[in-house]
Amino acid sequence: MVRASLLLSHFAIAVGGALVLGVGAVAQTSPPALGPDAQAISAERALHLASEPLAFNVHDVDYLQVDGKTFQATIYQPEGPGPFPAILDVHGGAWVREDKRRDEHAFMDKGLAAMGMVVVAIDFRQSGQHYYPTSVVDVNFAMRWLRANASKFNASSQIVGAFGSSSGGHLLLLNVMRPSDPQYAALPLAGVSASPDYIVLAYPISDPQARRAYALAVGNSGPVKNTDIYFAPPGSIQDGNPQLILDRHESVKLPPALLLQGAADANGVVKDTNVSPAIQQRFVASYQAAGGRIQMELLPGAPHDFVNTAGPELEGALALMKSFIEQQLLKP
C-alpha cells in the first residue's frame, strides 16, 4: 500500500481549502431540495475529490493484447468506499522513444490518487517501428477499456477524464476530436465510448508541424528526428494534426479542457525547447473558435516534462488540475 507523502499532504490541504469554498459556493445557489427518490439518484451519481489526502494502492493489470504483445496499465486506486472519479494517463516520448513508459508521471499520478481519483496509466505501442496512427489506436482502445472496466477498480464510468503530456497529449487530442474515426477505433471493444468527458493537457504537441519547426529553430534535433519517423507515411502529419483539423473546420468533439504550458521566466527565457507557448496560444484560440471550452495556464520558467518531477511546478500543476477537475465533477 502506498500512502500520501508529506509533500502531497501539504498540497492537498492547501488546495482542500479552496475545494471547501467551491463546494460552499455551489451549495448557496443549489436548487430546492429533491424528493427521496431524486435524492438517492443524486447521491449515487455524485462524484467529488477528497478534501484530505487518501491512502491508495498501486497495481498493474493487462489491458491490451495486440501484435503478439501484452500491454499493461498501472492502477492507482484510492482506499475507501467510492466509487471514485477516473482518469486515463497517456505518457509522452516523442511518439517513438521506447524509454518512456507508463511510469513517466508516477509523481503526478500519486498526487491525483491522494486526491481521490482512480488513475489508469497505460503503455502502448511506441517505437521506431510504429508509425501514425498505431499509438492513436491503442489510446482509443484504452479509453473504451477504462469505461468498460471502471467498476473493477472502484471507479465510476459516469464521468471519465483523460490526461496526456507532450506526444501523449497529441494522441489524446486526436481521439478527443475523432473518437469514432474507423482508423482510430480499429481495435474491437463495442458498447463504450472513446470520448472523455474532459481532458487535461500538459505541453501537448497540438501542432506537430509547428513543433518540428520550433525544435529545429532552437537546435533541439531529437524531436525533429522523431517527428519524421512517426509521421513517415505520406500525408500523415497533415491528417493527424489537431491544429490543422481545426483549421479545416472538421466536425469534431471538443470536451472541456485544461492546457498547462511552460512560459518565459523573469528573464524572458522559454525553457521548453520542445513546444512553444505561441503554438499553444494559437491552438487554444482555434479550439475556442470551434466552440470548445479550454482553460490555458502558463507556468513561468517551467521546462518541458515539468509534471515528471516533484517540485513547485508539479505542485502548481496539481493545484490547477484539482480545481479544474472538481468543476467538471460538479456539473449536472
C-alpha atoms as a PDB file:
ATOM      1  CA  MET A   1       0.000   0.000   0.000  1.00  0.00           C
ATOM      2  CA  VAL A   2       1.250   3.446  -0.889  1.00  0.00           C
ATOM      3  CA  ARG A   3       0.384   6.386   1.325  1.00  0.00           C
ATOM      4  CA  ALA A   4       0.442  10.082   0.505  1.00  0.00           C
ATOM      5  CA  SER A   5       3.790  11.725   1.190  1.00  0.00           C
ATOM      6  CA  LEU A   6       4.338  14.845   3.298  1.00  0.00           C
ATOM      7  CA  LEU A   7       4.646  16.895   0.101  1.00  0.00           C
ATOM      8  CA  LEU A   8       1.332  15.630  -1.223  1.00  0.00           C
ATOM      9  CA  SER A   9      -0.316  16.130   2.158  1.00  0.00           C
ATOM     10  CA  HIS A  10       0.768  19.763   2.240  1.00  0.00           C
ATOM     11  CA  PHE A  11      -0.544  20.277  -1.279  1.00  0.00           C
ATOM     12  CA  ALA A  12      -3.866  18.576  -0.677  1.00  0.00           C
ATOM     13  CA  ILE A  13      -4.568  20.538   2.479  1.00  0.00           C
ATOM     14  CA  ALA A  14      -3.784  23.829   0.774  1.00  0.00           C
ATOM     15  CA  VAL A  15      -5.991  23.055  -2.192  1.00  0.00           C
ATOM     16  CA  GLY A  16      -8.559  21.404   0.024  1.00  0.00           C
ATOM     17  CA  GLY A  17      -9.381  24.805   1.486  1.00  0.00           C
ATOM     18  CA  ALA A  18     -10.208  26.083  -1.971  1.00  0.00           C
ATOM     19  CA  LEU A  19     -12.258  22.981  -2.587  1.00  0.00           C
ATOM     20  CA  VAL A  20     -14.369  23.581   0.518  1.00  0.00           C
ATOM     21  CA  LEU A  21     -15.022  27.158  -0.568  1.00  0.00           C
ATOM     22  CA  GLY A  22     -16.010  25.966  -4.021  1.00  0.00           C
ATOM     23  CA  VAL A  23     -18.473  23.459  -2.660  1.00  0.00           C
ATOM     24  CA  GLY A  24     -19.907  26.103  -0.359  1.00  0.00           C
ATOM     25  CA  ALA A  25     -20.489  28.451  -3.267  1.00  0.00           C
ATOM     26  CA  VAL A  26     -22.343  25.764  -5.139  1.00  0.00           C
ATOM     27  CA  ALA A  27     -24.460  24.952  -2.110  1.00  0.00           C
ATOM     28  CA  GLN A  28     -25.623  28.568  -1.822  1.00  0.00           C
ATOM     29  CA  THR A  29     -27.001  28.506  -5.362  1.00  0.00           C
ATOM     30  CA  SER A  30     -28.354  24.956  -5.340  1.00  0.00           C
ATOM     31  CA  PRO A  31     -31.979  24.288  -6.321  1.00  0.00           C
ATOM     32  CA  PRO A  32     -34.736  23.377  -3.820  1.00  0.00           C
ATOM     33  CA  ALA A  33     -34.471  20.057  -2.011  1.00  0.00           C
ATOM     34  CA  LEU A  34     -35.202  16.967  -4.096  1.00  0.00           C
ATOM     35  CA  GLY A  35     -37.648  14.221  -3.237  1.00  0.00           C
ATOM     36  CA  PRO A  36     -36.371  10.974  -1.659  1.00  0.00           C
ATOM     37  CA  ASP A  37     -36.027   9.110  -4.976  1.00  0.00           C
ATOM     38  CA  ALA A  38     -34.273  12.003  -6.668  1.00  0.00           C
ATOM     39  CA  GLN A  39     -32.003  12.435  -3.649  1.00  0.00           C
ATOM     40  CA  ALA A  40     -30.967   8.798  -3.833  1.00  0.00           C
ATOM     41  CA  ILE A  41     -30.190   9.084  -7.537  1.00  0.00           C
ATOM     42  CA  SER A  42     -28.262  12.319  -6.985  1.00  0.00           C
ATOM     43  CA  ALA A  43     -26.222  10.829  -4.133  1.00  0.00           C
ATOM     44  CA  GLU A  44     -25.400   7.772  -6.218  1.00  0.00           C
ATOM     45  CA  ARG A  45     -24.166   9.899  -9.106  1.00  0.00           C
ATOM     46  CA  ALA A  46     -22.282  12.470  -7.049  1.00  0.00           C
ATOM     47  CA  LEU A  47     -18.529  12.405  -7.549  1.00  0.00           C
ATOM     48  CA  HIS A  48     -16.043  14.593  -5.769  1.00  0.00           C
ATOM     49  CA  LEU A  49     -12.400  14.860  -4.844  1.00  0.00           C
ATOM     50  CA  ALA A  50     -11.113  14.342  -1.325  1.00  0.00           C
ATOM     51  CA  SER A  51     -10.637  17.316   0.973  1.00  0.00           C
ATOM     52  CA  GLU A  52      -7.854  15.428   2.798  1.00  0.00           C
ATOM     53  CA  PRO A  53      -5.190  13.106   1.313  1.00  0.00           C
ATOM     54  CA  LEU A  54      -6.263   9.490   0.876  1.00  0.00           C
ATOM     55  CA  ALA A  55      -4.161   6.360   1.085  1.00  0.00           C
ATOM     56  CA  PHE A  56      -4.054   4.382  -2.149  1.00  0.00           C
ATOM     57  CA  ASN A  57      -2.856   1.107  -3.635  1.00  0.00           C
ATOM     58  CA  VAL A  58      -0.871   0.620  -6.826  1.00  0.00           C
ATOM     59  CA  HIS A  59      -1.046  -2.474  -9.018  1.00  0.00           C
ATOM     60  CA  ASP A  60      -0.595  -3.491 -12.648  1.00  0.00           C
ATOM     61  CA  VAL A  61      -3.105  -5.187 -14.959  1.00  0.00           C
ATOM     62  CA  ASP A  62      -3.002  -6.430 -18.544  1.00  0.00           C
ATOM     63  CA  TYR A  63      -5.337  -4.365 -20.683  1.00  0.00           C
ATOM     64  CA  LEU A  64      -4.326  -4.824 -24.336  1.00  0.00           C
ATOM     65  CA  GLN A  65      -3.058  -7.677 -26.482  1.00  0.00           C
ATOM     66  CA  VAL A  66      -2.025  -6.687 -29.983  1.00  0.00           C
ATOM     67  CA  ASP A  67       0.698  -7.668 -32.455  1.00  0.00           C
ATOM     68  CA  GLY A  68       1.517 -10.663 -30.246  1.00  0.00           C
ATOM     69  CA  LYS A  69       2.367  -8.440 -27.269  1.00  0.00           C
ATOM     70  CA  THR A  70       0.618  -7.689 -23.981  1.00  0.00           C
ATOM     71  CA  PHE A  71       0.469  -4.129 -22.697  1.00  0.00           C
ATOM     72  CA  GLN A  72      -0.192  -3.178 -19.101  1.00  0.00           C
ATOM     73  CA  ALA A  73      -1.842  -0.383 -17.178  1.00  0.00           C
ATOM     74  CA  THR A  74      -0.808   0.757 -13.716  1.00  0.00           C
ATOM     75  CA  ILE A  75      -3.822   1.402 -11.493  1.00  0.00           C
ATOM     76  CA  TYR A  76      -3.545   3.968  -8.692  1.00  0.00           C
ATOM     77  CA  GLN A  77      -6.612   3.138  -6.588  1.00  0.00           C
ATOM     78  CA  PRO A  78      -7.644   5.166  -3.517  1.00  0.00           C
ATOM     79  CA  GLU A  79      -8.795   3.345  -0.419  1.00  0.00           C
ATOM     80  CA  GLY A  80     -12.386   3.925   0.640  1.00  0.00           C
ATOM     81  CA  PRO A  81     -15.960   3.154  -0.326  1.00  0.00           C
ATOM     82  CA  GLY A  82     -16.012   5.018  -3.658  1.00  0.00           C
ATOM     83  CA  PRO A  83     -16.899   4.999  -6.404  1.00  0.00           C
ATOM     84  CA  PHE A  84     -14.121   7.397  -7.317  1.00  0.00           C
ATOM     85  CA  PRO A  85     -13.737   9.507 -10.450  1.00  0.00           C
ATOM     86  CA  ALA A  86     -11.360   8.000 -13.003  1.00  0.00           C
ATOM     87  CA  ILE A  87      -8.757   9.464 -15.317  1.00  0.00           C
ATOM     88  CA  LEU A  88      -6.660   7.897 -18.082  1.00  0.00           C
ATOM     89  CA  ASP A  89      -2.976   8.876 -18.167  1.00  0.00           C
ATOM     90  CA  VAL A  90      -1.217   8.895 -21.567  1.00  0.00           C
ATOM     91  CA  HIS A  91       2.552   9.354 -21.332  1.00  0.00           C
ATOM     92  CA  GLY A  92       4.779  11.185 -23.790  1.00  0.00           C
ATOM     93  CA  GLY A  93       8.017  10.237 -25.509  1.00  0.00           C
ATOM     94  CA  ALA A  94       8.028  11.874 -28.953  1.00  0.00           C
ATOM     95  CA  TRP A  95       5.871   9.016 -30.328  1.00  0.00           C
ATOM     96  CA  VAL A  96       8.791   6.604 -30.786  1.00  0.00           C
ATOM     97  CA  ARG A  97      11.011   6.664 -27.668  1.00  0.00           C
ATOM     98  CA  GLU A  98      10.965   3.256 -26.002  1.00  0.00           C
ATOM     99  CA  ASP A  99      12.490   4.594 -22.759  1.00  0.00           C
ATOM    100  CA  LYS A 100       9.263   6.456 -21.974  1.00  0.00           C
ATOM    101  CA  ARG A 101       6.688   4.278 -20.279  1.00  0.00           C
ATOM    102  CA  ARG A 102       3.592   4.415 -18.123  1.00  0.00           C
ATOM    103  CA  ASP A 103       5.606   5.310 -15.011  1.00  0.00           C
ATOM    104  CA  GLU A 104       6.656   8.654 -16.520  1.00  0.00           C
ATOM    105  CA  HIS A 105       4.044  10.546 -14.479  1.00  0.00           C
ATOM    106  CA  ALA A 106       4.328   8.483 -11.278  1.00  0.00           C
ATOM    107  CA  PHE A 107       4.689  11.535  -9.015  1.00  0.00           C
ATOM    108  CA  MET A 108       1.668  13.197 -10.601  1.00  0.00           C
ATOM    109  CA  ASP A 109      -0.402  10.005 -10.596  1.00  0.00           C
ATOM    110  CA  LYS A 110       0.238   9.503  -6.886  1.00  0.00           C
ATOM    111  CA  GLY A 111      -0.847  13.083  -6.271  1.00  0.00           C
ATOM    112  CA  LEU A 112      -4.088  12.520  -8.174  1.00  0.00           C
ATOM    113  CA  ALA A 113      -4.749   9.256  -6.323  1.00  0.00           C
ATOM    114  CA  ALA A 114      -4.265  11.042  -2.998  1.00  0.00           C
ATOM    115  CA  MET A 115      -6.966  13.472  -4.156  1.00  0.00           C
ATOM    116  CA  GLY A 116      -9.373  10.560  -4.549  1.00  0.00           C
ATOM    117  CA  MET A 117      -9.002   9.672  -8.218  1.00  0.00           C
ATOM    118  CA  VAL A 118      -8.521   6.276  -9.809  1.00  0.00           C
ATOM    119  CA  VAL A 119      -5.646   6.832 -12.231  1.00  0.00           C
ATOM    120  CA  VAL A 120      -5.023   4.402 -15.081  1.00  0.00           C
ATOM    121  CA  ALA A 121      -1.580   4.928 -16.622  1.00  0.00           C
ATOM    122  CA  ILE A 122      -1.088   2.949 -19.821  1.00  0.00           C
ATOM    123  CA  ASP A 123       1.647   1.582 -22.023  1.00  0.00           C
ATOM    124  CA  PHE A 124       1.016   1.300 -25.749  1.00  0.00           C
ATOM    125  CA  ARG A 125       2.860   0.647 -28.997  1.00  0.00           C
ATOM    126  CA  GLN A 126       5.632   3.239 -29.050  1.00  0.00           C
ATOM    127  CA  SER A 127       8.808   2.587 -31.018  1.00  0.00           C
ATOM    128  CA  GLY A 128      10.533   3.493 -34.246  1.00  0.00           C
ATOM    129  CA  GLN A 129       8.656   0.650 -35.945  1.00  0.00           C
ATOM    130  CA  HIS A 130       5.211   2.009 -35.088  1.00  0.00           C
ATOM    131  CA  TYR A 131       4.055   4.887 -37.238  1.00  0.00           C
ATOM    132  CA  TYR A 132       0.953   7.068 -37.183  1.00  0.00           C
ATOM    133  CA  PRO A 133      -1.772   6.121 -36.297  1.00  0.00           C
ATOM    134  CA  THR A 134      -0.742   2.959 -34.366  1.00  0.00           C
ATOM    135  CA  SER A 135      -0.431   4.566 -30.916  1.00  0.00           C
ATOM    136  CA  VAL A 136      -3.568   6.631 -31.531  1.00  0.00           C
ATOM    137  CA  VAL A 137      -5.419   3.341 -31.998  1.00  0.00           C
ATOM    138  CA  ASP A 138      -4.115   1.978 -28.697  1.00  0.00           C
ATOM    139  CA  VAL A 139      -5.156   5.090 -26.764  1.00  0.00           C
ATOM    140  CA  ASN A 140      -8.623   4.912 -28.315  1.00  0.00           C
ATOM    141  CA  PHE A 141      -8.946   1.324 -27.103  1.00  0.00           C
ATOM    142  CA  ALA A 142      -7.618   2.247 -23.647  1.00  0.00           C
ATOM    143  CA  MET A 143     -10.282   4.901 -23.195  1.00  0.00           C
ATOM    144  CA  ARG A 144     -13.023   2.416 -24.048  1.00  0.00           C
ATOM    145  CA  TRP A 145     -11.403  -0.258 -21.868  1.00  0.00           C
ATOM    146  CA  LEU A 146     -11.350   2.089 -18.885  1.00  0.00           C
ATOM    147  CA  ARG A 147     -15.042   2.899 -19.220  1.00  0.00           C
ATOM    148  CA  ALA A 148     -15.914  -0.779 -19.573  1.00  0.00           C
ATOM    149  CA  ASN A 149     -13.810  -1.846 -16.569  1.00  0.00           C
ATOM    150  CA  ALA A 150     -14.085   1.155 -14.241  1.00  0.00           C
ATOM    151  CA  SER A 151     -16.151  -0.680 -11.635  1.00  0.00           C
ATOM    152  CA  LYS A 152     -13.376  -3.275 -11.181  1.00  0.00           C
ATOM    153  CA  PHE A 153     -11.223  -0.526  -9.698  1.00  0.00           C
ATOM    154  CA  ASN A 154     -13.959   1.091  -7.605  1.00  0.00           C
ATOM    155  CA  ALA A 155     -14.228   3.875 -10.190  1.00  0.00           C
ATOM    156  CA  SER A 156     -17.268   5.424 -11.811  1.00  0.00           C
ATOM    157  CA  SER A 157     -17.782   5.252 -15.561  1.00  0.00           C
ATOM    158  CA  GLN A 158     -20.164   8.202 -15.339  1.00  0.00           C
ATOM    159  CA  ILE A 159     -17.508  10.888 -15.733  1.00  0.00           C
ATOM    160  CA  VAL A 160     -14.127   9.776 -17.076  1.00  0.00           C
ATOM    161  CA  GLY A 161     -11.328  12.214 -17.786  1.00  0.00           C
ATOM    162  CA  ALA A 162      -8.057  11.856 -19.637  1.00  0.00           C
ATOM    163  CA  PHE A 163      -4.591  13.338 -19.222  1.00  0.00           C
ATOM    164  CA  GLY A 164      -1.850  13.490 -21.828  1.00  0.00           C
ATOM    165  CA  SER A 165       1.576  15.092 -21.906  1.00  0.00           C
ATOM    166  CA  SER A 166       3.704  16.068 -24.898  1.00  0.00           C
ATOM    167  CA  SER A 167       3.180  13.464 -27.659  1.00  0.00           C
ATOM    168  CA  GLY A 168       0.698  11.732 -25.344  1.00  0.00           C
ATOM    169  CA  GLY A 169      -1.304  14.952 -25.415  1.00  0.00           C
ATOM    170  CA  HIS A 170      -1.270  14.739 -29.205  1.00  0.00           C
ATOM    171  CA  LEU A 171      -2.549  11.150 -29.149  1.00  0.00           C
ATOM    172  CA  LEU A 172      -5.254  12.196 -26.726  1.00  0.00           C
ATOM    173  CA  LEU A 173      -6.323  15.212 -28.784  1.00  0.00           C
ATOM    174  CA  LEU A 174      -6.787  13.131 -31.916  1.00  0.00           C
ATOM    175  CA  ASN A 175      -9.038  10.702 -30.035  1.00  0.00           C
ATOM    176  CA  VAL A 176     -10.918  13.571 -28.418  1.00  0.00           C
ATOM    177  CA  MET A 177     -11.662  15.118 -31.781  1.00  0.00           C
ATOM    178  CA  ARG A 178     -12.292  11.901 -33.714  1.00  0.00           C
ATOM    179  CA  PRO A 179     -13.302   9.240 -31.155  1.00  0.00           C
ATOM    180  CA  SER A 180     -15.250   7.150 -33.667  1.00  0.00           C
ATOM    181  CA  ASP A 181     -12.916   7.511 -36.627  1.00  0.00           C
ATOM    182  CA  PRO A 182     -12.557   3.990 -38.098  1.00  0.00           C
ATOM    183  CA  GLN A 183      -8.782   4.324 -38.365  1.00  0.00           C
ATOM    184  CA  TYR A 184      -8.567   5.156 -34.630  1.00  0.00           C
ATOM    185  CA  ALA A 185     -11.289   2.817 -33.304  1.00  0.00           C
ATOM    186  CA  ALA A 186      -9.781  -0.147 -35.134  1.00  0.00           C
ATOM    187  CA  LEU A 187      -9.424  -2.456 -32.118  1.00  0.00           C
ATOM    188  CA  PRO A 188     -12.727  -4.127 -31.180  1.00  0.00           C
ATOM    189  CA  LEU A 189     -14.479  -3.245 -27.928  1.00  0.00           C
ATOM    190  CA  ALA A 190     -18.116  -2.446 -28.588  1.00  0.00           C
ATOM    191  CA  GLY A 191     -20.682  -0.651 -26.488  1.00  0.00           C
ATOM    192  CA  VAL A 192     -18.492   2.006 -24.829  1.00  0.00           C
ATOM    193  CA  SER A 193     -17.418   5.472 -25.885  1.00  0.00           C
ATOM    194  CA  ALA A 194     -13.840   6.579 -26.505  1.00  0.00           C
ATOM    195  CA  SER A 195     -14.814  10.187 -25.748  1.00  0.00           C
ATOM    196  CA  PRO A 196     -13.510  11.518 -22.416  1.00  0.00           C
ATOM    197  CA  ASP A 197     -15.763  13.894 -20.529  1.00  0.00           C
ATOM    198  CA  TYR A 198     -12.894  16.332 -20.019  1.00  0.00           C
ATOM    199  CA  ILE A 199      -9.186  16.465 -20.767  1.00  0.00           C
ATOM    200  CA  VAL A 200      -6.044  17.825 -19.130  1.00  0.00           C
ATOM    201  CA  LEU A 201      -3.077  18.508 -21.400  1.00  0.00           C
ATOM    202  CA  ALA A 202       0.489  19.264 -20.350  1.00  0.00           C
ATOM    203  CA  TYR A 203       2.655  20.833 -23.083  1.00  0.00           C
ATOM    204  CA  PRO A 204       0.798  18.832 -25.770  1.00  0.00           C
ATOM    205  CA  ILE A 205       2.060  18.589 -29.327  1.00  0.00           C
ATOM    206  CA  SER A 206      -1.033  20.343 -30.611  1.00  0.00           C
ATOM    207  CA  ASP A 207       0.604  21.094 -33.980  1.00  0.00           C
ATOM    208  CA  PRO A 208       3.310  18.561 -34.957  1.00  0.00           C
ATOM    209  CA  GLN A 209       4.428  20.608 -37.951  1.00  0.00           C
ATOM    210  CA  ALA A 210       4.828  23.832 -35.974  1.00  0.00           C
ATOM    211  CA  ARG A 211       6.525  21.905 -33.165  1.00  0.00           C
ATOM    212  CA  ARG A 212       9.024  20.412 -35.613  1.00  0.00           C
ATOM    213  CA  ALA A 213       9.848  23.870 -36.951  1.00  0.00           C
ATOM    214  CA  TYR A 214      10.219  25.290 -33.433  1.00  0.00           C
ATOM    215  CA  ALA A 215      12.508  22.477 -32.256  1.00  0.00           C
ATOM    216  CA  LEU A 216      14.629  22.870 -35.376  1.00  0.00           C
ATOM    217  CA  ALA A 217      14.901  26.629 -34.834  1.00  0.00           C
ATOM    218  CA  VAL A 218      16.109  26.265 -31.222  1.00  0.00           C
ATOM    219  CA  GLY A 219      18.558  23.482 -32.059  1.00  0.00           C
ATOM    220  CA  ASN A 220      16.668  20.570 -30.496  1.00  0.00           C
ATOM    221  CA  SER A 221      17.273  17.799 -33.012  1.00  0.00           C
ATOM    222  CA  GLY A 222      15.623  14.919 -31.119  1.00  0.00           C
ATOM    223  CA  PRO A 223      12.005  15.964 -31.666  1.00  0.00           C
ATOM    224  CA  VAL A 224      12.756  16.739 -35.312  1.00  0.00           C
ATOM    225  CA  LYS A 225      14.093  13.239 -35.945  1.00  0.00           C
ATOM    226  CA  ASN A 226      11.309  11.508 -34.019  1.00  0.00           C
ATOM    227  CA  THR A 227       8.607  13.529 -35.770  1.00  0.00           C
ATOM    228  CA  ASP A 228       9.990  12.427 -39.138  1.00  0.00           C
ATOM    229  CA  ILE A 229       9.984   8.781 -38.027  1.00  0.00           C
ATOM    230  CA  TYR A 230       6.440   8.712 -36.642  1.00  0.00           C
ATOM    231  CA  PHE A 231       4.902  10.671 -39.485  1.00  0.00           C
ATOM    232  CA  ALA A 232       6.788   8.811 -42.223  1.00  0.00           C
ATOM    233  CA  PRO A 233       3.589   7.726 -44.044  1.00  0.00           C
ATOM    234  CA  PRO A 234       2.844  10.368 -46.711  1.00  0.00           C
ATOM    235  CA  GLY A 235       0.243  12.911 -45.614  1.00  0.00           C
ATOM    236  CA  SER A 236       0.112  11.624 -42.049  1.00  0.00           C
ATOM    237  CA  ILE A 237       1.443  14.789 -40.389  1.00  0.00           C
ATOM    238  CA  GLN A 238      -1.346  16.735 -42.072  1.00  0.00           C
ATOM    239  CA  ASP A 239      -4.057  14.189 -41.282  1.00  0.00           C
ATOM    240  CA  GLY A 240      -3.003  13.629 -37.659  1.00  0.00           C
ATOM    241  CA  ASN A 241      -2.563  17.279 -36.762  1.00  0.00           C
ATOM    242  CA  PRO A 242      -5.020  18.711 -34.205  1.00  0.00           C
ATOM    243  CA  GLN A 243      -4.327  22.298 -35.245  1.00  0.00           C
ATOM    244  CA  LEU A 244      -4.936  21.546 -38.914  1.00  0.00           C
ATOM    245  CA  ILE A 245      -8.062  19.559 -38.048  1.00  0.00           C
ATOM    246  CA  LEU A 246      -9.472  22.733 -36.521  1.00  0.00           C
ATOM    247  CA  ASP A 247      -8.170  24.851 -39.396  1.00  0.00           C
ATOM    248  CA  ARG A 248     -10.016  22.565 -41.820  1.00  0.00           C
ATOM    249  CA  HIS A 249     -13.214  23.045 -39.808  1.00  0.00           C
ATOM    250  CA  GLU A 250     -13.770  19.323 -39.470  1.00  0.00           C
ATOM    251  CA  SER A 251     -16.759  18.184 -37.426  1.00  0.00           C
ATOM    252  CA  VAL A 252     -15.136  17.358 -34.102  1.00  0.00           C
ATOM    253  CA  LYS A 253     -15.880  16.746 -30.436  1.00  0.00           C
ATOM    254  CA  LEU A 254     -14.394  19.320 -28.053  1.00  0.00           C
ATOM    255  CA  PRO A 255     -14.839  18.484 -24.343  1.00  0.00           C
ATOM    256  CA  PRO A 256     -13.800  20.945 -21.609  1.00  0.00           C
ATOM    257  CA  ALA A 257     -10.024  21.168 -21.492  1.00  0.00           C
ATOM    258  CA  LEU A 258      -7.218  22.439 -19.287  1.00  0.00           C
ATOM    259  CA  LEU A 259      -3.882  23.107 -21.010  1.00  0.00           C
ATOM    260  CA  LEU A 260      -0.682  23.613 -18.997  1.00  0.00           C
ATOM    261  CA  GLN A 261       2.388  25.058 -20.682  1.00  0.00           C
ATOM    262  CA  GLY A 262       5.755  26.415 -19.600  1.00  0.00           C
ATOM    263  CA  ALA A 263       6.309  30.071 -20.450  1.00  0.00           C
ATOM    264  CA  ALA A 264       9.113  32.621 -20.310  1.00  0.00           C
ATOM    265  CA  ASP A 265      10.831  33.136 -16.967  1.00  0.00           C
ATOM    266  CA  ALA A 266      11.601  36.505 -15.364  1.00  0.00           C
ATOM    267  CA  ASN A 267      14.492  36.961 -17.811  1.00  0.00           C
ATOM    268  CA  GLY A 268      12.322  36.253 -20.844  1.00  0.00           C
ATOM    269  CA  VAL A 269      13.781  32.779 -21.405  1.00  0.00           C
ATOM    270  CA  VAL A 270      11.470  29.949 -22.517  1.00  0.00           C
ATOM    271  CA  LYS A 271      12.942  26.713 -21.129  1.00  0.00           C
ATOM    272  CA  ASP A 272      10.630  24.416 -23.093  1.00  0.00           C
ATOM    273  CA  THR A 273      12.601  23.643 -26.258  1.00  0.00           C
ATOM    274  CA  ASN A 274      10.019  21.111 -27.458  1.00  0.00           C
ATOM    275  CA  VAL A 275       6.918  23.242 -27.948  1.00  0.00           C
ATOM    276  CA  SER A 276       6.399  26.984 -27.582  1.00  0.00           C
ATOM    277  CA  PRO A 277       3.716  28.983 -25.770  1.00  0.00           C
ATOM    278  CA  ALA A 278       2.858  30.624 -29.110  1.00  0.00           C
ATOM    279  CA  ILE A 279       1.952  27.238 -30.622  1.00  0.00           C
ATOM    280  CA  GLN A 280      -0.372  26.544 -27.701  1.00  0.00           C
ATOM    281  CA  GLN A 281      -1.929  30.001 -27.798  1.00  0.00           C
ATOM    282  CA  ARG A 282      -2.850  29.542 -31.441  1.00  0.00           C
ATOM    283  CA  PHE A 283      -4.346  26.139 -30.700  1.00  0.00           C
ATOM    284  CA  VAL A 284      -6.351  27.477 -27.765  1.00  0.00           C
ATOM    285  CA  ALA A 285      -7.761  30.264 -29.929  1.00  0.00           C
ATOM    286  CA  SER A 286      -8.775  27.738 -32.593  1.00  0.00           C
ATOM    287  CA  TYR A 287     -10.336  25.394 -30.013  1.00  0.00           C
ATOM    288  CA  GLN A 288     -12.420  28.251 -28.660  1.00  0.00           C
ATOM    289  CA  ALA A 289     -13.377  29.466 -32.134  1.00  0.00           C
ATOM    290  CA  ALA A 290     -14.661  25.970 -32.916  1.00  0.00           C
ATOM    291  CA  GLY A 291     -16.945  26.108 -29.874  1.00  0.00           C
ATOM    292  CA  GLY A 292     -14.779  24.341 -27.311  1.00  0.00           C
ATOM    293  CA  ARG A 293     -14.116  25.497 -23.746  1.00  0.00           C
ATOM    294  CA  ILE A 294     -10.452  25.452 -22.871  1.00  0.00           C
ATOM    295  CA  GLN A 295      -8.506  26.981 -19.987  1.00  0.00           C
ATOM    296  CA  MET A 296      -4.834  27.687 -20.637  1.00  0.00           C
ATOM    297  CA  GLU A 297      -2.392  28.194 -17.782  1.00  0.00           C
ATOM    298  CA  LEU A 298       1.158  29.398 -18.452  1.00  0.00           C
ATOM    299  CA  LEU A 299       3.761  28.454 -15.826  1.00  0.00           C
ATOM    300  CA  PRO A 300       6.686  30.906 -15.988  1.00  0.00           C
ATOM    301  CA  GLY A 301      10.066  29.210 -16.230  1.00  0.00           C
ATOM    302  CA  ALA A 302       8.677  25.663 -16.387  1.00  0.00           C
ATOM    303  CA  PRO A 303      10.575  23.326 -18.739  1.00  0.00           C
ATOM    304  CA  HIS A 304       9.158  20.557 -20.873  1.00  0.00           C
ATOM    305  CA  ASP A 305       8.215  17.469 -18.818  1.00  0.00           C
ATOM    306  CA  PHE A 306       7.678  19.533 -15.655  1.00  0.00           C
ATOM    307  CA  VAL A 307       4.991  17.159 -14.355  1.00  0.00           C
ATOM    308  CA  ASN A 308       7.528  14.319 -14.255  1.00  0.00           C
ATOM    309  CA  THR A 309       9.492  15.646 -11.282  1.00  0.00           C
ATOM    310  CA  ALA A 310       8.460  16.505  -7.723  1.00  0.00           C
ATOM    311  CA  GLY A 311       8.767  20.202  -7.069  1.00  0.00           C
ATOM    312  CA  PRO A 312       6.963  23.537  -7.271  1.00  0.00           C
ATOM    313  CA  GLU A 313       5.968  23.153 -10.934  1.00  0.00           C
ATOM    314  CA  LEU A 314       4.265  19.826 -10.244  1.00  0.00           C
ATOM    315  CA  GLU A 315       2.578  21.186  -7.108  1.00  0.00           C
ATOM    316  CA  GLY A 316       1.264  24.133  -9.103  1.00  0.00           C
ATOM    317  CA  ALA A 317       0.058  21.843 -11.883  1.00  0.00           C
ATOM    318  CA  LEU A 318      -1.722  19.553  -9.417  1.00  0.00           C
ATOM    319  CA  ALA A 319      -3.458  22.519  -7.801  1.00  0.00           C
ATOM    320  CA  LEU A 320      -4.715  23.709 -11.199  1.00  0.00           C
ATOM    321  CA  MET A 321      -5.790  20.195 -12.130  1.00  0.00           C
ATOM    322  CA  LYS A 322      -7.676  19.691  -8.891  1.00  0.00           C
ATOM    323  CA  SER A 323      -9.619  22.927  -9.310  1.00  0.00           C
ATOM    324  CA  PHE A 324     -10.452  22.153 -12.943  1.00  0.00           C
ATOM    325  CA  ILE A 325     -11.457  18.526 -12.334  1.00  0.00           C
ATOM    326  CA  GLU A 326     -13.652  19.439  -9.374  1.00  0.00           C
ATOM    327  CA  GLN A 327     -15.509  21.890 -11.598  1.00  0.00           C
ATOM    328  CA  GLN A 328     -16.169  19.100 -14.107  1.00  0.00           C
ATOM    329  CA  LEU A 329     -17.427  16.739 -11.399  1.00  0.00           C
ATOM    330  CA  LEU A 330     -19.835  19.345 -10.051  1.00  0.00           C
ATOM    331  CA  LYS A 331     -21.570  19.762 -13.410  1.00  0.00           C
ATOM    332  CA  PRO A 332     -25.070  18.232 -13.618  1.00  0.00           C
END
